[in-house]
Amino acid sequence: MKTPPFKPETLAAQALGWIDESTRAVTPPIHVSSTYLRDPDNLYRSGRMYARADHPAFDQAEALIAALEQGQEAMLFASGMAAATPVFQALSPGDHVLAPKVMYWSLRNWLLQFAAQWGLKVELVEMNDPAAVQAAIRPGQTRLVWVETPANPLWTVTDIAATAAIAHAAGARLAVDSTTASPVITQPLALGADIVMHSATKYLGGHSDLLAGVLVTREDDDFWQRLRALRVNHGGTLGAFECFLLLRGLRTLFLRVRQANTSAQRIATHFDDHPLVAQVLYPGLPGFPGHEIAKRQMKGGFGAMLSIRVRGASAGGEAAAIATAAEVQLWKRATSLGGTESLLEHRSSVEGPNSPVPPDLLRLSVGIEDADDLIADLEQALARAQR
């Protein structure tokens, strides 16, 4: 179905305006069947055969996400990791891959382990430095450049257009994890990326009540068909109820993200140069490295994720950061991001001893609460942690 010529906010709010033709309902039904009837001549003229390969629950959410990302097609998966890993599994042993030194920790660990088993030659680079990317690229051997921007949890910004040009000149694809930006802020395909990945558990779903992932492609090419086959054969498909929850969340995507962005900017500005904070990491601050790139490719805000590095008194920054997390009342000490509630965590404790994250760092996911309340709670927690 052709996408109507409306603004993205309208497409999201009405979920493309689709209705259930059989009932005229504006909210889609939840189809739970795992199998579909063959025609008398043994064909499947309905296009449906088995839920692992295809399911009517996918259609509306996939079409909406593809439209928001300005892509040709989208493909839903059972989680963000289930969406990200096939992009590497679709490569061949011996292929060279570039990935960021700082990126989502679970994917980084999986990639380094999988690469050794699968024969991929993975090289971790400072992805926000085009010169470093250019130096690491191997023309004819590099098949994939994986970018995460802003990169969790230091929020470094990679120039998507510049990196796409480097990758394409070497015959490689560019895949972008745009989870923290969301299509409200950045459309990587329009900047030259070939594939966009989201952990839809986060902003796309937006309510901390489902696991989901999605890939969006600029072109329906052979690589995309390999990814589609991997989804079918590995079985990492999304359930019908989760599709329903995801579509519900997508309808309020722009409202939620814009509110959270506005609050995150206020919080980052408030704690910048704060006496109990050594550093605020946020692309929306003028002094943040990559701020100028962020202004070019992040439209409508700089995201709702930031990190603060807590200044320690006698015990040091790590102890002060952990103590601050223990004292919050409104912020929730929890892993994840992108929900309506604001979350805070001591990230290096989560990632373990090999983490590149500074031990004095607290990662903040700003929700849709009142920004003054969030600031006041963090203020009292910082103060109490110094006692």
Protein backbone atom coordinates (compact mmCIF):
# COMPACT_ATOMS: atom_id res chain seq x y z
CA MET A 1 0.00 0.00 0.00
CA LYS A 2 1.30 3.45 -0.91
CA THR A 3 2.14 5.71 2.02
CA PRO A 4 -0.30 8.67 2.26
CA PRO A 5 1.29 12.12 1.67
CA PHE A 6 1.07 13.27 5.28
CA LYS A 7 3.66 14.42 7.79
CA PRO A 8 5.34 11.75 9.94
CA GLU A 9 3.47 12.91 13.07
CA THR A 10 0.16 12.24 11.31
CA LEU A 11 1.28 8.89 9.94
CA ALA A 12 2.33 7.76 13.40
CA ALA A 13 -0.76 9.03 15.24
CA GLN A 14 -3.10 7.23 12.84
CA ALA A 15 -0.77 4.27 12.19
CA LEU A 16 -0.98 5.10 8.46
CA GLY A 17 -4.76 5.37 8.76
CA TRP A 18 -5.30 1.66 8.23
CA ILE A 19 -8.55 0.09 9.40
CA ASP A 20 -9.69 -3.51 9.75
CA GLU A 21 -11.75 -3.99 6.61
CA SER A 22 -13.87 -6.80 8.04
CA THR A 23 -15.09 -4.80 11.06
CA ARG A 24 -14.16 -1.16 10.16
CA ALA A 25 -12.27 -0.96 13.46
CA VAL A 26 -9.55 1.72 13.70
CA THR A 27 -7.55 -0.44 16.12
CA PRO A 28 -6.24 -3.63 14.51
CA PRO A 29 -7.32 -7.03 15.78
CA ILE A 30 -4.78 -9.41 17.27
CA HIS A 31 -4.38 -12.37 14.92
CA VAL A 32 -3.12 -15.38 16.87
CA SER A 33 -3.21 -18.16 14.28
CA SER A 34 0.11 -19.84 13.62
CA THR A 35 -0.99 -21.56 10.40
CA TYR A 36 -3.17 -20.79 7.38
CA LEU A 37 -5.46 -22.82 5.13
CA ARG A 38 -4.25 -24.00 1.73
CA ASP A 39 -6.43 -23.62 -1.33
CA PRO A 40 -7.96 -26.81 -2.79
CA ASP A 41 -5.18 -26.98 -5.38
CA ASN A 42 -2.59 -26.85 -2.56
CA LEU A 43 -1.51 -23.24 -3.18
CA TYR A 44 -1.45 -20.30 -0.75
CA ARG A 45 -3.13 -17.52 -2.72
CA SER A 46 -3.65 -15.51 0.49
CA GLY A 47 0.11 -15.10 0.74
CA ARG A 48 0.08 -16.58 4.25
CA MET A 49 1.51 -19.97 5.07
CA TYR A 50 3.02 -20.06 8.57
CA ALA A 51 3.43 -17.41 11.26
CA ARG A 52 7.21 -17.78 11.51
CA ALA A 53 7.54 -16.72 7.88
CA ASP A 54 4.79 -14.14 7.74
CA HIS A 55 1.96 -12.90 9.91
CA PRO A 56 -0.76 -10.26 9.43
CA ALA A 57 0.28 -8.75 12.78
CA PHE A 58 3.57 -7.60 11.18
CA ASP A 59 2.06 -5.68 8.29
CA GLN A 60 0.91 -2.39 9.79
CA ALA A 61 3.82 -1.83 12.19
CA GLU A 62 6.40 -2.73 9.53
CA ALA A 63 4.78 -0.42 6.98
CA LEU A 64 4.61 2.45 9.48
CA ILE A 65 8.23 2.11 10.61
CA ALA A 66 9.42 1.91 7.01
CA ALA A 67 7.51 5.10 6.24
CA LEU A 68 8.93 6.93 9.27
CA GLU A 69 12.47 5.89 8.30
CA GLN A 70 11.90 6.66 4.59
CA GLY A 71 12.85 3.09 3.75
CA GLN A 72 11.53 0.57 1.26
CA GLU A 73 10.74 -2.20 3.74
CA ALA A 74 10.94 -3.00 7.44
CA MET A 75 11.26 -6.35 9.19
CA LEU A 76 10.25 -7.02 12.81
CA PHE A 77 12.17 -9.30 15.16
CA ALA A 78 11.69 -10.63 18.67
CA SER A 79 14.19 -8.19 20.25
CA GLY A 80 16.81 -5.61 19.40
CA MET A 81 19.54 -8.24 19.58
CA ALA A 82 17.48 -10.54 17.33
CA ALA A 83 17.35 -7.72 14.78
CA ALA A 84 21.01 -6.70 14.98
CA THR A 85 22.74 -10.10 14.88
CA PRO A 86 21.41 -11.24 11.45
CA VAL A 87 23.13 -8.26 9.82
CA PHE A 88 26.45 -9.87 10.76
CA GLN A 89 25.25 -13.45 10.22
CA ALA A 90 24.38 -12.57 6.63
CA LEU A 91 28.07 -11.93 5.94
CA SER A 92 30.57 -14.58 4.84
CA PRO A 93 33.53 -15.98 6.77
CA GLY A 94 36.56 -13.82 6.11
CA ASP A 95 34.60 -10.61 5.58
CA HIS A 96 36.01 -7.54 7.30
CA VAL A 97 33.70 -5.55 9.58
CA LEU A 98 34.16 -2.18 11.26
CA ALA A 99 32.27 -1.44 14.48
CA PRO A 100 32.55 1.25 17.16
CA LYS A 101 34.79 0.89 20.18
CA VAL A 102 31.94 2.28 22.27
CA MET A 103 28.58 0.74 21.47
CA TYR A 104 25.74 -1.22 23.05
CA TRP A 105 27.60 -3.59 25.35
CA SER A 106 25.62 -6.79 24.67
CA LEU A 107 26.02 -6.47 20.91
CA ARG A 108 29.72 -5.64 21.26
CA ASN A 109 30.32 -8.78 23.35
CA TRP A 110 28.26 -10.96 21.02
CA LEU A 111 30.04 -9.61 17.97
CA LEU A 112 33.52 -10.29 19.32
CA GLN A 113 32.53 -13.83 20.33
CA PHE A 114 30.62 -14.58 17.12
CA ALA A 115 33.37 -13.18 14.93
CA ALA A 116 35.91 -15.69 16.19
CA GLN A 117 33.52 -18.57 15.56
CA TRP A 118 32.24 -17.37 12.20
CA GLY A 119 35.54 -16.13 10.79
CA LEU A 120 34.61 -12.48 10.53
CA LYS A 121 37.46 -10.03 10.85
CA VAL A 122 36.05 -7.47 13.26
CA GLU A 123 37.90 -4.24 13.91
CA LEU A 124 36.74 -1.76 16.56
CA VAL A 125 37.46 1.86 15.68
CA GLU A 126 36.69 5.37 16.90
CA MET A 127 33.65 5.61 14.66
CA ASN A 128 33.16 9.32 15.37
CA ASP A 129 36.53 10.02 13.69
CA PRO A 130 36.20 9.79 9.87
CA ALA A 131 39.99 9.64 9.51
CA ALA A 132 40.13 6.58 11.77
CA VAL A 133 37.36 4.92 9.76
CA GLN A 134 39.12 5.69 6.49
CA ALA A 135 42.40 4.30 7.82
CA ALA A 136 40.75 1.08 8.99
CA ILE A 137 38.72 0.40 5.84
CA ARG A 138 39.94 -2.35 3.52
CA PRO A 139 38.63 -1.82 -0.02
CA GLY A 140 37.22 -5.04 -1.41
CA GLN A 141 37.40 -6.76 2.00
CA THR A 142 35.33 -4.54 4.29
CA ARG A 143 31.72 -5.61 3.73
CA LEU A 144 29.97 -3.87 6.61
CA VAL A 145 30.44 -0.73 8.66
CA TRP A 146 28.25 -0.72 11.78
CA VAL A 147 27.50 2.65 13.37
CA GLU A 148 25.68 3.49 16.58
CA THR A 149 24.86 7.18 16.98
CA PRO A 150 24.56 8.61 19.53
CA ALA A 151 26.63 5.75 20.99
CA ASN A 152 25.59 4.21 24.29
CA PRO A 153 26.56 5.30 26.97
CA LEU A 154 29.04 8.10 26.12
CA TRP A 155 26.69 9.49 23.43
CA THR A 156 29.44 10.11 20.88
CA VAL A 157 28.09 11.27 17.54
CA THR A 158 29.10 9.74 14.20
CA ASP A 159 28.72 11.65 10.95
CA ILE A 160 26.43 9.27 9.05
CA ALA A 161 26.81 10.92 5.63
CA ALA A 162 30.61 11.00 5.82
CA THR A 163 30.81 7.41 7.04
CA ALA A 164 28.41 6.24 4.33
CA ALA A 165 30.63 7.82 1.67
CA ILE A 166 33.70 6.03 3.07
CA ALA A 167 31.90 2.69 3.29
CA HIS A 168 30.37 2.86 -0.18
CA ALA A 169 33.65 3.88 -1.81
CA ALA A 170 35.15 0.66 -0.43
CA GLY A 171 32.22 -1.50 -1.55
CA ALA A 172 30.80 -1.90 1.98
CA ARG A 173 27.31 -1.41 3.40
CA LEU A 174 26.57 1.00 6.20
CA ALA A 175 24.21 -0.14 8.96
CA VAL A 176 23.15 2.32 11.66
CA ASP A 177 21.81 1.51 15.11
CA SER A 178 19.54 4.53 15.55
CA THR A 179 17.79 3.31 18.68
CA THR A 180 18.58 6.32 20.84
CA ALA A 181 17.78 8.88 18.14
CA SER A 182 14.55 7.31 16.84
CA PRO A 183 13.04 8.36 13.50
CA VAL A 184 11.66 11.46 15.22
CA ILE A 185 15.20 12.87 15.28
CA THR A 186 17.29 11.16 12.60
CA GLN A 187 16.60 9.30 9.35
CA PRO A 188 19.90 7.52 8.57
CA LEU A 189 18.71 6.18 5.20
CA ALA A 190 18.26 9.72 3.93
CA LEU A 191 21.86 10.41 5.00
CA GLY A 192 23.26 7.47 3.02
CA ALA A 193 22.87 4.43 5.27
CA ASP A 194 21.77 1.14 3.74
CA ILE A 195 20.12 -0.40 6.80
CA VAL A 196 18.71 1.07 10.00
CA MET A 197 18.29 -0.98 13.16
CA HIS A 198 16.19 -0.18 16.23
CA SER A 199 15.71 -1.93 19.49
CA ALA A 200 11.97 -1.28 19.34
CA THR A 201 11.84 -2.22 23.01
CA LYS A 202 12.97 1.36 23.60
CA TYR A 203 11.45 4.49 22.03
CA LEU A 204 9.35 2.84 19.32
CA GLY A 205 7.45 0.76 21.89
CA GLY A 206 7.95 3.36 24.57
CA HIS A 207 6.20 1.75 27.54
CA SER A 208 8.73 -0.76 28.95
CA ASP A 209 6.30 -3.61 28.36
CA LEU A 210 7.61 -5.49 25.32
CA LEU A 211 10.74 -6.78 23.61
CA ALA A 212 11.02 -6.05 19.89
CA GLY A 213 13.53 -5.16 17.21
CA VAL A 214 13.33 -3.92 13.64
CA LEU A 215 15.48 -3.51 10.56
CA VAL A 216 14.66 -1.06 7.77
CA THR A 217 16.28 -1.17 4.34
CA ARG A 218 16.85 1.47 1.71
CA GLU A 219 16.62 -1.16 -1.05
CA ASP A 220 15.09 -4.62 -1.35
CA ASP A 221 18.30 -6.22 -2.60
CA ASP A 222 20.00 -9.61 -2.25
CA PHE A 223 21.37 -8.74 1.20
CA TRP A 224 17.89 -7.87 2.42
CA GLN A 225 16.60 -11.19 1.13
CA ARG A 226 19.33 -12.98 3.09
CA LEU A 227 18.19 -11.15 6.19
CA ARG A 228 14.60 -12.17 5.52
CA ALA A 229 15.67 -15.81 5.17
CA LEU A 230 17.60 -15.59 8.44
CA ARG A 231 14.51 -14.34 10.25
CA VAL A 232 12.48 -17.25 8.96
CA ASN A 233 15.13 -19.91 9.56
CA HIS A 234 16.31 -18.67 12.97
CA GLY A 235 12.76 -18.11 14.16
CA GLY A 236 13.36 -14.73 15.80
CA THR A 237 9.95 -13.34 14.90
CA LEU A 238 7.74 -11.10 16.98
CA GLY A 239 4.55 -12.37 18.61
CA ALA A 240 1.13 -11.06 17.64
CA PHE A 241 0.43 -9.38 21.00
CA GLU A 242 3.86 -7.72 20.96
CA CYS A 243 3.09 -6.38 17.46
CA PHE A 244 -0.12 -4.92 18.87
CA LEU A 245 1.75 -3.25 21.75
CA LEU A 246 4.40 -1.89 19.40
CA LEU A 247 1.84 -0.32 17.09
CA ARG A 248 0.09 1.23 20.10
CA GLY A 249 3.40 2.75 21.21
CA LEU A 250 4.23 4.07 17.75
CA ARG A 251 1.08 6.20 17.74
CA THR A 252 2.48 8.42 20.53
CA LEU A 253 6.14 8.28 19.42
CA PHE A 254 6.46 11.95 18.48
CA LEU A 255 4.74 13.22 21.62
CA ARG A 256 6.86 11.08 23.93
CA VAL A 257 10.20 11.69 22.25
CA ARG A 258 9.74 15.44 21.97
CA GLN A 259 8.73 15.77 25.63
CA ALA A 260 11.67 13.64 26.75
CA ASN A 261 14.08 15.56 24.47
CA THR A 262 13.00 18.89 25.93
CA SER A 263 13.48 17.62 29.49
CA ALA A 264 16.85 16.02 28.69
CA GLN A 265 18.15 19.30 27.29
CA ARG A 266 17.05 21.12 30.46
CA ILE A 267 18.61 18.51 32.72
CA ALA A 268 21.89 18.48 30.80
CA THR A 269 22.09 22.27 30.84
CA HIS A 270 21.27 22.44 34.55
CA PHE A 271 23.99 20.01 35.60
CA ASP A 272 26.63 21.27 33.20
CA ASP A 273 29.26 22.96 35.39
CA HIS A 274 27.45 21.71 38.52
CA PRO A 275 29.81 21.55 41.53
CA LEU A 276 28.98 17.87 42.21
CA VAL A 277 29.19 16.79 38.55
CA ALA A 278 32.55 16.39 36.83
CA GLN A 279 31.09 16.18 33.30
CA VAL A 280 27.79 15.97 31.45
CA LEU A 281 27.79 13.91 28.26
CA TYR A 282 25.02 15.07 25.96
CA PRO A 283 25.07 15.98 22.23
CA GLY A 284 22.84 19.00 22.87
CA LEU A 285 25.49 20.86 24.86
CA PRO A 286 27.48 23.32 22.71
CA GLY A 287 30.78 22.20 24.24
CA PHE A 288 30.15 18.50 23.60
CA PRO A 289 32.41 16.93 20.93
CA GLY A 290 30.25 16.20 17.91
CA HIS A 291 27.68 18.88 18.74
CA GLU A 292 27.98 20.49 15.30
CA ILE A 293 27.48 17.13 13.56
CA ALA A 294 24.52 16.44 15.81
CA LYS A 295 22.95 19.75 14.80
CA ARG A 296 23.18 18.70 11.14
CA GLN A 297 21.75 15.20 11.40
CA MET A 298 19.59 15.25 14.55
CA LYS A 299 16.46 17.25 13.79
CA GLY A 300 14.03 18.30 16.50
CA GLY A 301 16.23 17.55 19.49
CA PHE A 302 19.36 15.77 20.63
CA GLY A 303 17.78 12.73 22.22
CA ALA A 304 16.63 11.86 25.72
CA MET A 305 19.78 10.02 26.79
CA LEU A 306 22.62 11.61 28.72
CA SER A 307 25.28 10.60 31.20
CA ILE A 308 26.81 12.42 34.13
CA ARG A 309 30.17 11.77 35.71
CA VAL A 310 29.85 12.32 39.44
CA ARG A 311 32.50 14.26 41.28
CA GLY A 312 33.65 12.43 44.37
CA ALA A 313 34.61 13.97 47.68
CA SER A 314 36.85 11.77 49.82
CA ALA A 315 35.67 8.43 48.46
CA GLY A 316 36.14 9.14 44.75
CA GLY A 317 33.81 9.40 41.78
CA GLU A 318 32.80 5.73 41.53
CA ALA A 319 31.64 5.54 45.13
CA ALA A 320 29.85 8.88 44.80
CA ALA A 321 28.10 7.73 41.62
CA ILE A 322 26.89 4.49 43.23
CA ALA A 323 25.78 6.41 46.32
CA THR A 324 23.90 8.92 44.15
CA ALA A 325 22.04 6.11 42.40
CA ALA A 326 21.06 4.71 45.80
CA GLU A 327 19.54 8.02 46.90
CA VAL A 328 17.19 8.78 44.00
CA GLN A 329 13.47 8.64 44.72
CA LEU A 330 11.78 9.57 41.42
CA TRP A 331 14.36 8.17 38.99
CA LYS A 332 14.17 4.38 38.79
CA ARG A 333 17.36 2.33 39.15
CA ALA A 334 16.87 0.06 36.18
CA THR A 335 18.42 -1.04 32.89
CA SER A 336 16.88 0.00 29.56
CA LEU A 337 15.73 3.29 28.11
CA GLY A 338 13.02 4.95 26.07
CA GLY A 339 10.05 4.38 28.37
CA THR A 340 7.72 6.93 29.92
CA GLU A 341 9.53 6.66 33.25
CA SER A 342 13.02 8.06 33.84
CA LEU A 343 15.73 5.49 34.52
CA LEU A 344 19.19 5.78 36.02
CA GLU A 345 21.98 3.25 36.42
CA HIS A 346 25.65 2.92 37.27
CA ARG A 347 26.65 1.60 33.88
CA SER A 348 30.13 0.17 34.50
CA SER A 349 28.69 -2.10 37.22
CA VAL A 350 26.30 -3.50 34.63
CA GLU A 351 28.94 -4.02 31.95
CA GLY A 352 31.63 -5.54 34.15
CA PRO A 353 35.43 -5.29 34.42
CA ASN A 354 36.14 -4.99 30.68
CA SER A 355 33.79 -2.05 30.20
CA PRO A 356 35.19 1.11 28.55
CA VAL A 357 32.71 3.15 30.61
CA PRO A 358 34.23 5.44 33.28
CA PRO A 359 33.41 4.11 36.77
CA ASP A 360 32.05 7.50 37.92
CA LEU A 361 29.39 7.55 35.17
CA LEU A 362 25.62 7.38 35.65
CA ARG A 363 23.51 6.78 32.55
CA LEU A 364 20.20 8.64 32.48
CA SER A 365 17.17 7.82 30.34
CA VAL A 366 14.82 10.79 30.58
CA GLY A 367 11.12 10.00 30.50
CA ILE A 368 8.08 12.24 30.21
CA GLU A 369 7.77 13.40 33.82
CA ASP A 370 8.06 17.05 34.81
CA ALA A 371 11.66 18.16 34.28
CA ASP A 372 11.74 20.22 37.49
CA ASP A 373 10.85 17.13 39.51
CA LEU A 374 13.60 15.12 37.85
CA ILE A 375 16.17 17.86 38.45
CA ALA A 376 15.18 18.24 42.10
CA ASP A 377 15.41 14.51 42.72
CA LEU A 378 18.86 14.28 41.18
CA GLU A 379 19.98 17.35 43.12
CA GLN A 380 19.00 15.83 46.46
CA ALA A 381 20.56 12.49 45.53
CA LEU A 382 23.88 14.11 44.62
CA ALA A 383 23.87 16.11 47.84
CA ARG A 384 23.02 13.14 50.06
CA ALA A 385 25.69 11.01 48.38
CA GLN A 386 28.37 13.44 49.56
CA ARG A 387 27.47 13.12 53.24
